[in-house]
């Protein structure tokens, strides 16, 4: 059903439609915004993975941090 969905001609047509809708001047801004969003998502996923991998601290240490 979707075997020939992303042929080169289809991708060119999609690119032309995007240029018509947004204009050539807006495309770099859209690309920058998309890149920043992807970087932020990857950083968030890495932070979550790091938090998950860190061993949990002792309960007494957590109490001292809360008092400060």
C-alpha atoms as a PDB file:
ATOM      1  CA  UNK A   1       0.000   0.000   0.000  1.00  0.00           C
ATOM      2  CA  UNK A   2       2.793   2.461   0.931  1.00  0.00           C
ATOM      3  CA  UNK A   3       5.589   0.864  -1.108  1.00  0.00           C
ATOM      4  CA  UNK A   4       6.210   3.813  -3.453  1.00  0.00           C
ATOM      5  CA  UNK A   5       5.184   6.617  -1.135  1.00  0.00           C
ATOM      6  CA  UNK A   6       8.487   8.521  -0.897  1.00  0.00           C
ATOM      7  CA  UNK A   7       9.784   8.515  -4.434  1.00  0.00           C
ATOM      8  CA  UNK A   8      12.065  11.409  -5.453  1.00  0.00           C
ATOM      9  CA  UNK A   9       9.337  13.036  -7.550  1.00  0.00           C
ATOM     10  CA  UNK A  10       6.953  13.006  -4.571  1.00  0.00           C
ATOM     11  CA  UNK A  11       9.559  14.641  -2.343  1.00  0.00           C
ATOM     12  CA  UNK A  12      10.196  17.372  -4.930  1.00  0.00           C
ATOM     13  CA  UNK A  13       6.468  18.077  -5.178  1.00  0.00           C
ATOM     14  CA  UNK A  14       6.200  18.295  -1.375  1.00  0.00           C
ATOM     15  CA  UNK A  15       9.180  20.683  -1.283  1.00  0.00           C
ATOM     16  CA  UNK A  16       7.588  22.919  -3.935  1.00  0.00           C
ATOM     17  CA  UNK A  17       4.322  23.041  -1.985  1.00  0.00           C
ATOM     18  CA  UNK A  18       6.191  23.958   1.221  1.00  0.00           C
ATOM     19  CA  UNK A  19       8.052  26.765  -0.575  1.00  0.00           C
ATOM     20  CA  UNK A  20       4.774  28.084  -1.982  1.00  0.00           C
ATOM     21  CA  UNK A  21       3.063  28.037   1.423  1.00  0.00           C
ATOM     22  CA  UNK A  22       5.871  29.431   3.593  1.00  0.00           C
ATOM     23  CA  UNK A  23       8.019  31.295   1.084  1.00  0.00           C
ATOM     24  CA  UNK A  24      11.738  30.861   0.550  1.00  0.00           C
ATOM     25  CA  UNK A  25      12.631  33.473   3.193  1.00  0.00           C
ATOM     26  CA  UNK A  26      10.838  31.651   6.004  1.00  0.00           C
ATOM     27  CA  UNK A  27      12.392  28.226   5.365  1.00  0.00           C
ATOM     28  CA  UNK A  28      15.687  28.918   7.219  1.00  0.00           C
ATOM     29  CA  UNK A  29      13.734  30.162  10.250  1.00  0.00           C
ATOM     30  CA  UNK A  30      11.546  27.070  10.193  1.00  0.00           C
ATOM     31  CA  UNK A  31      14.642  24.865   9.890  1.00  0.00           C
ATOM     32  CA  UNK A  32      16.341  26.613  12.815  1.00  0.00           C
ATOM     33  CA  UNK A  33      13.270  26.238  14.979  1.00  0.00           C
ATOM     34  CA  UNK A  34      12.943  22.572  14.088  1.00  0.00           C
ATOM     35  CA  UNK A  35      16.628  21.946  14.816  1.00  0.00           C
ATOM     36  CA  UNK A  36      16.383  23.675  18.212  1.00  0.00           C
ATOM     37  CA  UNK A  37      13.327  21.611  19.058  1.00  0.00           C
ATOM     38  CA  UNK A  38      15.078  18.361  18.150  1.00  0.00           C
ATOM     39  CA  UNK A  39      18.181  19.317  20.164  1.00  0.00           C
ATOM     40  CA  UNK A  40      16.030  20.198  23.164  1.00  0.00           C
ATOM     41  CA  UNK A  41      14.172  16.904  22.907  1.00  0.00           C
ATOM     42  CA  UNK A  42      17.408  14.909  22.694  1.00  0.00           C
ATOM     43  CA  UNK A  43      18.853  16.811  25.681  1.00  0.00           C
ATOM     44  CA  UNK A  44      15.727  16.118  27.702  1.00  0.00           C
ATOM     45  CA  UNK A  45      15.856  12.422  26.841  1.00  0.00           C
ATOM     46  CA  UNK A  46      19.546  12.279  27.814  1.00  0.00           C
ATOM     47  CA  UNK A  47      18.798  14.043  31.123  1.00  0.00           C
ATOM     48  CA  UNK A  48      16.063  11.551  31.918  1.00  0.00           C
ATOM     49  CA  UNK A  49      18.384   8.666  31.053  1.00  0.00           C
ATOM     50  CA  UNK A  50      21.138  10.135  33.269  1.00  0.00           C
ATOM     51  CA  UNK A  51      18.742  10.557  36.184  1.00  0.00           C
ATOM     52  CA  UNK A  52      17.567   6.995  35.757  1.00  0.00           C
ATOM     53  CA  UNK A  53      21.132   5.636  35.645  1.00  0.00           C
ATOM     54  CA  UNK A  54      22.357   7.527  38.742  1.00  0.00           C
ATOM     55  CA  UNK A  55      22.233   5.523  41.956  1.00  0.00           C
ATOM     56  CA  UNK A  56      19.763   6.891  44.456  1.00  0.00           C
ATOM     57  CA  UNK A  57      21.307   8.836  47.316  1.00  0.00           C
ATOM     58  CA  UNK A  58      20.927   7.966  50.983  1.00  0.00           C
ATOM     59  CA  UNK A  59      17.770   9.236  52.717  1.00  0.00           C
ATOM     60  CA  UNK A  60      19.840  11.136  55.303  1.00  0.00           C
ATOM     61  CA  UNK A  61      21.552  13.133  52.567  1.00  0.00           C
ATOM     62  CA  UNK A  62      18.192  14.141  51.098  1.00  0.00           C
ATOM     63  CA  UNK A  63      17.010  15.469  54.475  1.00  0.00           C
ATOM     64  CA  UNK A  64      20.132  17.640  54.847  1.00  0.00           C
ATOM     65  CA  UNK A  65      19.627  19.111  51.373  1.00  0.00           C
ATOM     66  CA  UNK A  66      16.007  20.026  52.143  1.00  0.00           C
ATOM     67  CA  UNK A  67      16.996  21.877  55.346  1.00  0.00           C
ATOM     68  CA  UNK A  68      19.484  24.124  53.513  1.00  0.00           C
END
